[in-house]
Amino acid sequence: MTEYTPDSWVIVKIESEQHGTIYKVLAGWSGSYLYGSSWKLSSGIVTFVDTGSYYESLQDSGSVYMLHKSSERMSSIMAQTLSTFELKLQEVNATIEVVKVQEVQTYLGKEPNA
């Protein structure tokens, strides 16, 4: 099991006729002097647990994302990546959009925390 703790993250919803609705984590990491910024799109959210200061999200691949609530935001590399995904998905009559945490919690059958 691989564990990821991104510097920034958002939840995206991908909808297509072929695959239905899939929620994923679009994650970003800040760059350094030697390495540039990076991003990763998760395989698909299976669980999304509120642990207090962060969400713990198991993915289809078995990896786990530790998502600090204070890091929920879109970095510039993530925004560029999302824009590219939007264009590619339009070609196959599918969509991608950023959604609020409450939507994925509701989708998974859990009431959002107050």
PDB file of N, CA and C in Angstrom:
ATOM      1  N   MET A   1       0.846  -1.183   0.000  1.00  0.00           N
ATOM      2  CA  MET A   1       0.000   0.000   0.000  1.00  0.00           C
ATOM      3  C   MET A   1       0.892   1.247   0.000  1.00  0.00           C
ATOM      4  N   THR A   2       0.622   2.140  -0.918  1.00  0.00           N
ATOM      5  CA  THR A   2       1.343   3.404  -0.988  1.00  0.00           C
ATOM      6  C   THR A   2       0.494   4.490  -0.346  1.00  0.00           C
ATOM      7  N   GLU A   3       1.137   5.345   0.426  1.00  0.00           N
ATOM      8  CA  GLU A   3       0.438   6.452   1.078  1.00  0.00           C
ATOM      9  C   GLU A   3       0.941   7.765   0.503  1.00  0.00           C
ATOM     10  N   TYR A   4       0.005   8.641   0.140  1.00  0.00           N
ATOM     11  CA  TYR A   4       0.335   9.950  -0.416  1.00  0.00           C
ATOM     12  C   TYR A   4      -0.206  11.041   0.497  1.00  0.00           C
ATOM     13  N   THR A   5       0.598  12.081   0.708  1.00  0.00           N
ATOM     14  CA  THR A   5       0.167  13.261   1.451  1.00  0.00           C
ATOM     15  C   THR A   5       0.515  14.483   0.601  1.00  0.00           C
ATOM     16  N   PRO A   6      -0.414  14.917  -0.251  1.00  0.00           N
ATOM     17  CA  PRO A   6      -0.117  16.039  -1.150  1.00  0.00           C
ATOM     18  C   PRO A   6      -0.097  17.391  -0.443  1.00  0.00           C
ATOM     19  N   ASP A   7       0.604  18.333  -1.071  1.00  0.00           N
ATOM     20  CA  ASP A   7       0.639  19.714  -0.582  1.00  0.00           C
ATOM     21  C   ASP A   7      -0.666  20.438  -0.888  1.00  0.00           C
ATOM     22  N   SER A   8      -1.330  20.029  -1.957  1.00  0.00           N
ATOM     23  CA  SER A   8      -2.619  20.603  -2.334  1.00  0.00           C
ATOM     24  C   SER A   8      -3.448  19.508  -2.996  1.00  0.00           C
ATOM     25  N   TRP A   9      -4.776  19.645  -2.917  1.00  0.00           N
ATOM     26  CA  TRP A   9      -5.640  18.612  -3.482  1.00  0.00           C
ATOM     27  C   TRP A   9      -7.051  19.146  -3.689  1.00  0.00           C
ATOM     28  N   VAL A  10      -7.749  18.519  -4.619  1.00  0.00           N
ATOM     29  CA  VAL A  10      -9.174  18.748  -4.845  1.00  0.00           C
ATOM     30  C   VAL A  10      -9.800  17.406  -5.232  1.00  0.00           C
ATOM     31  N   ILE A  11     -11.104  17.328  -5.092  1.00  0.00           N
ATOM     32  CA  ILE A  11     -11.850  16.154  -5.541  1.00  0.00           C
ATOM     33  C   ILE A  11     -12.431  16.476  -6.911  1.00  0.00           C
ATOM     34  N   VAL A  12     -12.267  15.553  -7.855  1.00  0.00           N
ATOM     35  CA  VAL A  12     -12.859  15.736  -9.179  1.00  0.00           C
ATOM     36  C   VAL A  12     -13.854  14.607  -9.445  1.00  0.00           C
ATOM     37  N   LYS A  13     -14.880  14.954 -10.194  1.00  0.00           N
ATOM     38  CA  LYS A  13     -15.886  13.987 -10.620  1.00  0.00           C
ATOM     39  C   LYS A  13     -15.760  13.844 -12.130  1.00  0.00           C
ATOM     40  N   ILE A  14     -15.598  12.620 -12.577  1.00  0.00           N
ATOM     41  CA  ILE A  14     -15.518  12.329 -14.011  1.00  0.00           C
ATOM     42  C   ILE A  14     -16.770  11.543 -14.370  1.00  0.00           C
ATOM     43  N   GLU A  15     -17.460  12.005 -15.406  1.00  0.00           N
ATOM     44  CA  GLU A  15     -18.677  11.330 -15.858  1.00  0.00           C
ATOM     45  C   GLU A  15     -18.555  10.970 -17.327  1.00  0.00           C
ATOM     46  N   SER A  16     -18.892   9.725 -17.637  1.00  0.00           N
ATOM     47  CA  SER A  16     -18.901   9.264 -19.022  1.00  0.00           C
ATOM     48  C   SER A  16     -19.949   8.172 -19.165  1.00  0.00           C
ATOM     49  N   GLU A  17     -20.439   7.979 -20.379  1.00  0.00           N
ATOM     50  CA  GLU A  17     -21.397   6.911 -20.629  1.00  0.00           C
ATOM     51  C   GLU A  17     -20.758   5.554 -20.369  1.00  0.00           C
ATOM     52  N   GLN A  18     -19.522   5.404 -20.761  1.00  0.00           N
ATOM     53  CA  GLN A  18     -18.835   4.122 -20.669  1.00  0.00           C
ATOM     54  C   GLN A  18     -18.544   3.707 -19.220  1.00  0.00           C
ATOM     55  N   HIS A  19     -18.136   4.655 -18.368  1.00  0.00           N
ATOM     56  CA  HIS A  19     -17.707   4.321 -17.014  1.00  0.00           C
ATOM     57  C   HIS A  19     -18.613   4.868 -15.913  1.00  0.00           C
ATOM     58  N   GLY A  20     -19.612   5.651 -16.252  1.00  0.00           N
ATOM     59  CA  GLY A  20     -20.484   6.241 -15.240  1.00  0.00           C
ATOM     60  C   GLY A  20     -19.798   7.375 -14.511  1.00  0.00           C
ATOM     61  N   THR A  21     -20.058   7.479 -13.204  1.00  0.00           N
ATOM     62  CA  THR A  21     -19.484   8.535 -12.370  1.00  0.00           C
ATOM     63  C   THR A  21     -18.343   7.969 -11.540  1.00  0.00           C
ATOM     64  N   ILE A  22     -17.200   8.651 -11.581  1.00  0.00           N
ATOM     65  CA  ILE A  22     -16.034   8.258 -10.803  1.00  0.00           C
ATOM     66  C   ILE A  22     -15.506   9.497 -10.090  1.00  0.00           C
ATOM     67  N   TYR A  23     -15.241   9.365  -8.798  1.00  0.00           N
ATOM     68  CA  TYR A  23     -14.627  10.449  -8.025  1.00  0.00           C
ATOM     69  C   TYR A  23     -13.165  10.101  -7.806  1.00  0.00           C
ATOM     70  N   LYS A  24     -12.298  11.097  -8.005  1.00  0.00           N
ATOM     71  CA  LYS A  24     -10.864  10.906  -7.851  1.00  0.00           C
ATOM     72  C   LYS A  24     -10.258  12.090  -7.113  1.00  0.00           C
ATOM     73  N   VAL A  25      -9.051  11.890  -6.611  1.00  0.00           N
ATOM     74  CA  VAL A  25      -8.290  12.964  -5.989  1.00  0.00           C
ATOM     75  C   VAL A  25      -7.302  13.475  -7.019  1.00  0.00           C
ATOM     76  N   LEU A  26      -7.326  14.779  -7.279  1.00  0.00           N
ATOM     77  CA  LEU A  26      -6.289  15.430  -8.075  1.00  0.00           C
ATOM     78  C   LEU A  26      -5.363  16.093  -7.060  1.00  0.00           C
ATOM     79  N   ALA A  27      -4.134  15.587  -6.985  1.00  0.00           N
ATOM     80  CA  ALA A  27      -3.198  16.004  -5.949  1.00  0.00           C
ATOM     81  C   ALA A  27      -1.997  16.716  -6.555  1.00  0.00           C
ATOM     82  N   GLY A  28      -1.419  17.638  -5.784  1.00  0.00           N
ATOM     83  CA  GLY A  28      -0.242  18.370  -6.241  1.00  0.00           C
ATOM     84  C   GLY A  28       0.807  18.475  -5.149  1.00  0.00           C
ATOM     85  N   TRP A  29       2.050  18.520  -5.602  1.00  0.00           N
ATOM     86  CA  TRP A  29       3.186  18.700  -4.701  1.00  0.00           C
ATOM     87  C   TRP A  29       4.006  19.875  -5.186  1.00  0.00           C
ATOM     88  N   SER A  30       4.453  20.706  -4.258  1.00  0.00           N
ATOM     89  CA  SER A  30       5.277  21.868  -4.598  1.00  0.00           C
ATOM     90  C   SER A  30       6.643  21.402  -5.061  1.00  0.00           C
ATOM     91  N   GLY A  31       7.238  22.194  -5.919  1.00  0.00           N
ATOM     92  CA  GLY A  31       8.567  21.873  -6.412  1.00  0.00           C
ATOM     93  C   GLY A  31       9.655  22.389  -5.487  1.00  0.00           C
ATOM     94  N   SER A  32      10.865  22.045  -5.839  1.00  0.00           N
ATOM     95  CA  SER A  32      12.031  22.514  -5.099  1.00  0.00           C
ATOM     96  C   SER A  32      13.059  23.015  -6.105  1.00  0.00           C
ATOM     97  N   TYR A  33      14.200  23.349  -5.619  1.00  0.00           N
ATOM     98  CA  TYR A  33      15.272  23.832  -6.489  1.00  0.00           C
ATOM     99  C   TYR A  33      15.639  22.782  -7.544  1.00  0.00           C
ATOM    100  N   LEU A  34      15.698  21.537  -7.136  1.00  0.00           N
ATOM    101  CA  LEU A  34      16.116  20.463  -8.046  1.00  0.00           C
ATOM    102  C   LEU A  34      14.970  19.811  -8.805  1.00  0.00           C
ATOM    103  N   TYR A  35      13.790  19.813  -8.217  1.00  0.00           N
ATOM    104  CA  TYR A  35      12.656  19.119  -8.821  1.00  0.00           C
ATOM    105  C   TYR A  35      11.484  20.081  -8.985  1.00  0.00           C
ATOM    106  N   GLY A  36      10.799  19.982 -10.103  1.00  0.00           N
ATOM    107  CA  GLY A  36       9.657  20.845 -10.350  1.00  0.00           C
ATOM    108  C   GLY A  36       8.411  20.367  -9.622  1.00  0.00           C
ATOM    109  N   SER A  37       7.380  21.152  -9.699  1.00  0.00           N
ATOM    110  CA  SER A  37       6.094  20.769  -9.121  1.00  0.00           C
ATOM    111  C   SER A  37       5.572  19.537  -9.843  1.00  0.00           C
ATOM    112  N   SER A  38       4.731  18.765  -9.149  1.00  0.00           N
ATOM    113  CA  SER A  38       4.175  17.561  -9.764  1.00  0.00           C
ATOM    114  C   SER A  38       2.715  17.396  -9.366  1.00  0.00           C
ATOM    115  N   TRP A  39       2.038  16.502 -10.067  1.00  0.00           N
ATOM    116  CA  TRP A  39       0.640  16.223  -9.799  1.00  0.00           C
ATOM    117  C   TRP A  39       0.399  14.734  -9.960  1.00  0.00           C
ATOM    118  N   LYS A  40      -0.737  14.261  -9.446  1.00  0.00           N
ATOM    119  CA  LYS A  40      -1.138  12.872  -9.583  1.00  0.00           C
ATOM    120  C   LYS A  40      -2.655  12.815  -9.520  1.00  0.00           C
ATOM    121  N   LEU A  41      -3.234  11.981 -10.370  1.00  0.00           N
ATOM    122  CA  LEU A  41      -4.673  11.729 -10.345  1.00  0.00           C
ATOM    123  C   LEU A  41      -4.874  10.326  -9.774  1.00  0.00           C
ATOM    124  N   SER A  42      -5.653  10.217  -8.714  1.00  0.00           N
ATOM    125  CA  SER A  42      -5.833   8.921  -8.059  1.00  0.00           C
ATOM    126  C   SER A  42      -6.649   7.974  -8.946  1.00  0.00           C
ATOM    127  N   SER A  43      -6.666   6.705  -8.556  1.00  0.00           N
ATOM    128  CA  SER A  43      -7.345   5.682  -9.348  1.00  0.00           C
ATOM    129  C   SER A  43      -8.863   5.701  -9.183  1.00  0.00           C
ATOM    130  N   GLY A  44      -9.343   6.184  -8.084  1.00  0.00           N
ATOM    131  CA  GLY A  44     -10.785   6.243  -7.841  1.00  0.00           C
ATOM    132  C   GLY A  44     -11.066   6.063  -6.361  1.00  0.00           C
ATOM    133  N   ILE A  45     -11.893   6.921  -5.807  1.00  0.00           N
ATOM    134  CA  ILE A  45     -12.158   6.926  -4.365  1.00  0.00           C
ATOM    135  C   ILE A  45     -13.078   5.769  -3.990  1.00  0.00           C
ATOM    136  N   VAL A  46     -12.625   4.975  -3.003  1.00  0.00           N
ATOM    137  CA  VAL A  46     -13.414   3.878  -2.449  1.00  0.00           C
ATOM    138  C   VAL A  46     -14.006   4.299  -1.104  1.00  0.00           C
ATOM    139  N   THR A  47     -13.166   4.895  -0.244  1.00  0.00           N
ATOM    140  CA  THR A  47     -13.636   5.408   1.046  1.00  0.00           C
ATOM    141  C   THR A  47     -13.113   6.826   1.224  1.00  0.00           C
ATOM    142  N   PHE A  48     -13.815   7.579   2.059  1.00  0.00           N
ATOM    143  CA  PHE A  48     -13.433   8.967   2.324  1.00  0.00           C
ATOM    144  C   PHE A  48     -13.805   9.264   3.769  1.00  0.00           C
ATOM    145  N   VAL A  49     -12.834   9.118   4.671  1.00  0.00           N
ATOM    146  CA  VAL A  49     -13.094   9.183   6.106  1.00  0.00           C
ATOM    147  C   VAL A  49     -12.557  10.480   6.696  1.00  0.00           C
ATOM    148  N   ASP A  50     -13.418  11.182   7.419  1.00  0.00           N
ATOM    149  CA  ASP A  50     -13.031  12.411   8.109  1.00  0.00           C
ATOM    150  C   ASP A  50     -12.413  12.023   9.445  1.00  0.00           C
ATOM    151  N   THR A  51     -11.126  12.303   9.628  1.00  0.00           N
ATOM    152  CA  THR A  51     -10.438  11.941  10.873  1.00  0.00           C
ATOM    153  C   THR A  51     -10.234  13.145  11.787  1.00  0.00           C
ATOM    154  N   GLY A  52     -10.756  14.268  11.424  1.00  0.00           N
ATOM    155  CA  GLY A  52     -10.591  15.495  12.219  1.00  0.00           C
ATOM    156  C   GLY A  52      -9.882  16.561  11.423  1.00  0.00           C
ATOM    157  N   SER A  53      -8.558  16.538  11.396  1.00  0.00           N
ATOM    158  CA  SER A  53      -7.803  17.563  10.673  1.00  0.00           C
ATOM    159  C   SER A  53      -7.512  17.168   9.224  1.00  0.00           C
ATOM    160  N   TYR A  54      -7.780  15.909   8.879  1.00  0.00           N
ATOM    161  CA  TYR A  54      -7.557  15.465   7.510  1.00  0.00           C
ATOM    162  C   TYR A  54      -8.562  14.384   7.123  1.00  0.00           C
ATOM    163  N   TYR A  55      -8.655  14.126   5.808  1.00  0.00           N
ATOM    164  CA  TYR A  55      -9.456  13.032   5.285  1.00  0.00           C
ATOM    165  C   TYR A  55      -8.509  11.909   4.887  1.00  0.00           C
ATOM    166  N   GLU A  56      -8.914  10.693   5.141  1.00  0.00           N
ATOM    167  CA  GLU A  56      -8.158   9.525   4.709  1.00  0.00           C
ATOM    168  C   GLU A  56      -8.987   8.849   3.623  1.00  0.00           C
ATOM    169  N   SER A  57      -8.392   8.692   2.436  1.00  0.00           N
ATOM    170  CA  SER A  57      -9.152   8.185   1.305  1.00  0.00           C
ATOM    171  C   SER A  57      -8.461   6.987   0.656  1.00  0.00           C
ATOM    172  N   LEU A  58      -9.098   5.816   0.784  1.00  0.00           N
ATOM    173  CA  LEU A  58      -8.630   4.604   0.118  1.00  0.00           C
ATOM    174  C   LEU A  58      -9.027   4.679  -1.348  1.00  0.00           C
ATOM    175  N   GLN A  59      -8.126   4.235  -2.229  1.00  0.00           N
ATOM    176  CA  GLN A  59      -8.357   4.275  -3.669  1.00  0.00           C
ATOM    177  C   GLN A  59      -8.525   2.863  -4.240  1.00  0.00           C
ATOM    178  N   ASP A  60      -9.065   2.776  -5.454  1.00  0.00           N
ATOM    179  CA  ASP A  60      -9.236   1.491  -6.133  1.00  0.00           C
ATOM    180  C   ASP A  60      -7.935   0.698  -6.201  1.00  0.00           C
ATOM    181  N   SER A  61      -6.820   1.376  -6.350  1.00  0.00           N
ATOM    182  CA  SER A  61      -5.520   0.723  -6.481  1.00  0.00           C
ATOM    183  C   SER A  61      -4.991   0.165  -5.161  1.00  0.00           C
ATOM    184  N   GLY A  62      -5.614   0.552  -4.053  1.00  0.00           N
ATOM    185  CA  GLY A  62      -5.135   0.152  -2.733  1.00  0.00           C
ATOM    186  C   GLY A  62      -4.308   1.227  -2.048  1.00  0.00           C
ATOM    187  N   SER A  63      -3.942   2.272  -2.788  1.00  0.00           N
ATOM    188  CA  SER A  63      -3.193   3.362  -2.168  1.00  0.00           C
ATOM    189  C   SER A  63      -4.133   4.211  -1.302  1.00  0.00           C
ATOM    190  N   VAL A  64      -3.524   4.969  -0.397  1.00  0.00           N
ATOM    191  CA  VAL A  64      -4.284   5.809   0.531  1.00  0.00           C
ATOM    192  C   VAL A  64      -3.785   7.244   0.411  1.00  0.00           C
ATOM    193  N   TYR A  65      -4.711   8.182   0.327  1.00  0.00           N
ATOM    194  CA  TYR A  65      -4.383   9.599   0.303  1.00  0.00           C
ATOM    195  C   TYR A  65      -4.740  10.199   1.655  1.00  0.00           C
ATOM    196  N   MET A  66      -3.770  10.860   2.269  1.00  0.00           N
ATOM    197  CA  MET A  66      -3.972  11.586   3.515  1.00  0.00           C
ATOM    198  C   MET A  66      -4.131  13.053   3.120  1.00  0.00           C
ATOM    199  N   LEU A  67      -5.342  13.567   3.190  1.00  0.00           N
ATOM    200  CA  LEU A  67      -5.674  14.881   2.649  1.00  0.00           C
ATOM    201  C   LEU A  67      -5.946  15.871   3.781  1.00  0.00           C
ATOM    202  N   HIS A  68      -4.956  16.686   4.095  1.00  0.00           N
ATOM    203  CA  HIS A  68      -5.134  17.682   5.151  1.00  0.00           C
ATOM    204  C   HIS A  68      -6.170  18.708   4.701  1.00  0.00           C
ATOM    205  N   LYS A  69      -7.107  18.987   5.571  1.00  0.00           N
ATOM    206  CA  LYS A  69      -8.197  19.907   5.229  1.00  0.00           C
ATOM    207  C   LYS A  69      -7.669  21.285   4.847  1.00  0.00           C
ATOM    208  N   SER A  70      -6.604  21.719   5.495  1.00  0.00           N
ATOM    209  CA  SER A  70      -6.043  23.042   5.203  1.00  0.00           C
ATOM    210  C   SER A  70      -5.326  23.090   3.852  1.00  0.00           C
ATOM    211  N   SER A  71      -5.164  21.951   3.199  1.00  0.00           N
ATOM    212  CA  SER A  71      -4.467  21.891   1.903  1.00  0.00           C
ATOM    213  C   SER A  71      -5.426  21.756   0.719  1.00  0.00           C
ATOM    214  N   GLU A  72      -6.721  21.847   0.982  1.00  0.00           N
ATOM    215  CA  GLU A  72      -7.696  21.727  -0.110  1.00  0.00           C
ATOM    216  C   GLU A  72      -7.656  23.002  -0.948  1.00  0.00           C
ATOM    217  N   ARG A  73      -7.002  22.917  -2.085  1.00  0.00           N
ATOM    218  CA  ARG A  73      -6.872  24.053  -3.001  1.00  0.00           C
ATOM    219  C   ARG A  73      -6.271  23.556  -4.313  1.00  0.00           C
ATOM    220  N   MET A  74      -6.337  24.400  -5.315  1.00  0.00           N
ATOM    221  CA  MET A  74      -5.841  24.075  -6.651  1.00  0.00           C
ATOM    222  C   MET A  74      -4.536  24.818  -6.901  1.00  0.00           C
ATOM    223  N   SER A  75      -3.476  24.075  -7.173  1.00  0.00           N
ATOM    224  CA  SER A  75      -2.205  24.703  -7.543  1.00  0.00           C
ATOM    225  C   SER A  75      -2.216  25.002  -9.038  1.00  0.00           C
ATOM    226  N   SER A  76      -1.251  25.753  -9.504  1.00  0.00           N
ATOM    227  CA  SER A  76      -1.225  26.105 -10.936  1.00  0.00           C
ATOM    228  C   SER A  76      -0.995  24.875 -11.807  1.00  0.00           C
ATOM    229  N   ILE A  77      -0.130  23.957 -11.392  1.00  0.00           N
ATOM    230  CA  ILE A  77       0.097  22.757 -12.209  1.00  0.00           C
ATOM    231  C   ILE A  77      -1.152  21.873 -12.237  1.00  0.00           C
ATOM    232  N   MET A  78      -1.892  21.862 -11.141  1.00  0.00           N
ATOM    233  CA  MET A  78      -3.141  21.099 -11.110  1.00  0.00           C
ATOM    234  C   MET A  78      -4.182  21.736 -12.031  1.00  0.00           C
ATOM    235  N   ALA A  79      -4.256  23.061 -12.044  1.00  0.00           N
ATOM    236  CA  ALA A  79      -5.205  23.764 -12.916  1.00  0.00           C
ATOM    237  C   ALA A  79      -4.887  23.504 -14.386  1.00  0.00           C
ATOM    238  N   GLN A  80      -3.614  23.524 -14.737  1.00  0.00           N
ATOM    239  CA  GLN A  80      -3.212  23.224 -16.116  1.00  0.00           C
ATOM    240  C   GLN A  80      -3.581  21.793 -16.482  1.00  0.00           C
ATOM    241  N   THR A  81      -3.347  20.882 -15.575  1.00  0.00           N
ATOM    242  CA  THR A  81      -3.669  19.472 -15.805  1.00  0.00           C
ATOM    243  C   THR A  81      -5.172  19.283 -15.969  1.00  0.00           C
ATOM    244  N   LEU A  82      -5.956  19.908 -15.124  1.00  0.00           N
ATOM    245  CA  LEU A  82      -7.409  19.813 -15.209  1.00  0.00           C
ATOM    246  C   LEU A  82      -7.904  20.335 -16.547  1.00  0.00           C
ATOM    247  N   SER A  83      -7.347  21.438 -17.009  1.00  0.00           N
ATOM    248  CA  SER A  83      -7.735  22.007 -18.296  1.00  0.00           C
ATOM    249  C   SER A  83      -7.445  21.027 -19.443  1.00  0.00           C
ATOM    250  N   THR A  84      -6.305  20.367 -19.369  1.00  0.00           N
ATOM    251  CA  THR A  84      -5.950  19.371 -20.390  1.00  0.00           C
ATOM    252  C   THR A  84      -6.925  18.198 -20.350  1.00  0.00           C
ATOM    253  N   PHE A  85      -7.249  17.728 -19.147  1.00  0.00           N
ATOM    254  CA  PHE A  85      -8.218  16.633 -19.015  1.00  0.00           C
ATOM    255  C   PHE A  85      -9.571  17.027 -19.586  1.00  0.00           C
ATOM    256  N   GLU A  86     -10.018  18.265 -19.320  1.00  0.00           N
ATOM    257  CA  GLU A  86     -11.309  18.730 -19.842  1.00  0.00           C
ATOM    258  C   GLU A  86     -11.362  18.622 -21.355  1.00  0.00           C
ATOM    259  N   LEU A  87     -10.311  19.071 -22.022  1.00  0.00           N
ATOM    260  CA  LEU A  87     -10.263  19.021 -23.486  1.00  0.00           C
ATOM    261  C   LEU A  87     -10.259  17.591 -24.008  1.00  0.00           C
ATOM    262  N   LYS A  88      -9.456  16.729 -23.390  1.00  0.00           N
ATOM    263  CA  LYS A  88      -9.370  15.329 -23.821  1.00  0.00           C
ATOM    264  C   LYS A  88     -10.688  14.591 -23.597  1.00  0.00           C
ATOM    265  N   LEU A  89     -11.329  14.848 -22.476  1.00  0.00           N
ATOM    266  CA  LEU A  89     -12.574  14.163 -22.175  1.00  0.00           C
ATOM    267  C   LEU A  89     -13.723  14.631 -23.066  1.00  0.00           C
ATOM    268  N   GLN A  90     -13.694  15.892 -23.501  1.00  0.00           N
ATOM    269  CA  GLN A  90     -14.714  16.385 -24.426  1.00  0.00           C
ATOM    270  C   GLN A  90     -14.704  15.574 -25.715  1.00  0.00           C
ATOM    271  N   GLU A  91     -13.522  15.134 -26.140  1.00  0.00           N
ATOM    272  CA  GLU A  91     -13.381  14.344 -27.374  1.00  0.00           C
ATOM    273  C   GLU A  91     -14.106  13.009 -27.290  1.00  0.00           C
ATOM    274  N   VAL A  92     -14.295  12.496 -26.084  1.00  0.00           N
ATOM    275  CA  VAL A  92     -14.974  11.206 -25.906  1.00  0.00           C
ATOM    276  C   VAL A  92     -16.310  11.369 -25.187  1.00  0.00           C
ATOM    277  N   ASN A  93     -16.860  12.580 -25.254  1.00  0.00           N
ATOM    278  CA  ASN A  93     -18.162  12.900 -24.684  1.00  0.00           C
ATOM    279  C   ASN A  93     -18.229  12.601 -23.182  1.00  0.00           C
ATOM    280  N   ALA A  94     -17.202  13.006 -22.464  1.00  0.00           N
ATOM    281  CA  ALA A  94     -17.140  12.847 -21.015  1.00  0.00           C
ATOM    282  C   ALA A  94     -16.795  14.198 -20.395  1.00  0.00           C
ATOM    283  N   THR A  95     -16.981  14.298 -19.082  1.00  0.00           N
ATOM    284  CA  THR A  95     -16.714  15.561 -18.393  1.00  0.00           C
ATOM    285  C   THR A  95     -15.897  15.319 -17.128  1.00  0.00           C
ATOM    286  N   ILE A  96     -15.226  16.366 -16.685  1.00  0.00           N
ATOM    287  CA  ILE A  96     -14.519  16.369 -15.404  1.00  0.00           C
ATOM    288  C   ILE A  96     -14.782  17.716 -14.751  1.00  0.00           C
ATOM    289  N   GLU A  97     -15.044  17.696 -13.450  1.00  0.00           N
ATOM    290  CA  GLU A  97     -15.269  18.942 -12.723  1.00  0.00           C
ATOM    291  C   GLU A  97     -14.812  18.796 -11.280  1.00  0.00           C
ATOM    292  N   VAL A  98     -14.404  19.892 -10.687  1.00  0.00           N
ATOM    293  CA  VAL A  98     -14.036  19.926  -9.279  1.00  0.00           C
ATOM    294  C   VAL A  98     -15.329  19.996  -8.464  1.00  0.00           C
ATOM    295  N   VAL A  99     -15.404  19.161  -7.418  1.00  0.00           N
ATOM    296  CA  VAL A  99     -16.598  19.135  -6.574  1.00  0.00           C
ATOM    297  C   VAL A  99     -16.206  19.307  -5.110  1.00  0.00           C
ATOM    298  N   LYS A 100     -17.184  19.614  -4.298  1.00  0.00           N
ATOM    299  CA  LYS A 100     -16.962  19.777  -2.858  1.00  0.00           C
ATOM    300  C   LYS A 100     -16.875  18.402  -2.188  1.00  0.00           C
ATOM    301  N   VAL A 101     -16.187  18.358  -1.086  1.00  0.00           N
ATOM    302  CA  VAL A 101     -16.017  17.129  -0.319  1.00  0.00           C
ATOM    303  C   VAL A 101     -17.379  16.512   0.022  1.00  0.00           C
ATOM    304  N   GLN A 102     -18.357  17.339   0.367  1.00  0.00           N
ATOM    305  CA  GLN A 102     -19.673  16.839   0.753  1.00  0.00           C
ATOM    306  C   GLN A 102     -20.300  15.995  -0.355  1.00  0.00           C
ATOM    307  N   GLU A 103     -20.011  16.300  -1.605  1.00  0.00           N
ATOM    308  CA  GLU A 103     -20.600  15.531  -2.702  1.00  0.00           C
ATOM    309  C   GLU A 103     -20.083  14.095  -2.713  1.00  0.00           C
ATOM    310  N   VAL A 104     -18.791  13.915  -2.535  1.00  0.00           N
ATOM    311  CA  VAL A 104     -18.251  12.555  -2.517  1.00  0.00           C
ATOM    312  C   VAL A 104     -18.706  11.809  -1.267  1.00  0.00           C
ATOM    313  N   GLN A 105     -18.841  12.497  -0.148  1.00  0.00           N
ATOM    314  CA  GLN A 105     -19.344  11.858   1.068  1.00  0.00           C
ATOM    315  C   GLN A 105     -20.781  11.368   0.855  1.00  0.00           C
ATOM    316  N   THR A 106     -21.601  12.188   0.242  1.00  0.00           N
ATOM    317  CA  THR A 106     -22.979  11.810  -0.041  1.00  0.00           C
ATOM    318  C   THR A 106     -23.019  10.653  -1.038  1.00  0.00           C
ATOM    319  N   TYR A 107     -22.182  10.724  -2.068  1.00  0.00           N
ATOM    320  CA  TYR A 107     -22.117   9.669  -3.086  1.00  0.00           C
ATOM    321  C   TYR A 107     -21.755   8.327  -2.468  1.00  0.00           C
ATOM    322  N   LEU A 108     -20.869   8.350  -1.484  1.00  0.00           N
ATOM    323  CA  LEU A 108     -20.449   7.113  -0.809  1.00  0.00           C
ATOM    324  C   LEU A 108     -21.441   6.676   0.271  1.00  0.00           C
ATOM    325  N   GLY A 109     -22.528   7.439   0.404  1.00  0.00           N
ATOM    326  CA  GLY A 109     -23.587   7.051   1.347  1.00  0.00           C
ATOM    327  C   GLY A 109     -23.375   7.518   2.761  1.00  0.00           C
ATOM    328  N   LYS A 110     -22.550   8.535   2.932  1.00  0.00           N
ATOM    329  CA  LYS A 110     -22.298   9.059   4.266  1.00  0.00           C
ATOM    330  C   LYS A 110     -22.746  10.499   4.315  1.00  0.00           C
ATOM    331  N   GLU A 111     -23.313  10.850   5.406  1.00  0.00           N
ATOM    332  CA  GLU A 111     -23.727  12.241   5.580  1.00  0.00           C
ATOM    333  C   GLU A 111     -22.483  13.100   5.807  1.00  0.00           C
ATOM    334  N   PRO A 112     -22.439  14.293   5.197  1.00  0.00           N
ATOM    335  CA  PRO A 112     -21.320  15.203   5.450  1.00  0.00           C
ATOM    336  C   PRO A 112     -21.255  15.588   6.918  1.00  0.00           C
ATOM    337  N   ASN A 113     -20.057  15.753   7.419  1.00  0.00           N
ATOM    338  CA  ASN A 113     -19.892  16.206   8.797  1.00  0.00           C
ATOM    339  C   ASN A 113     -20.246  17.672   8.917  1.00  0.00           C
ATOM    340  N   ALA A 114     -20.866  18.020  10.011  1.00  0.00           N
ATOM    341  CA  ALA A 114     -21.263  19.415  10.241  1.00  0.00           C
ATOM    342  C   ALA A 114     -20.081  20.255  10.635  1.00  0.00           C
TER     343      ALA A 114
END
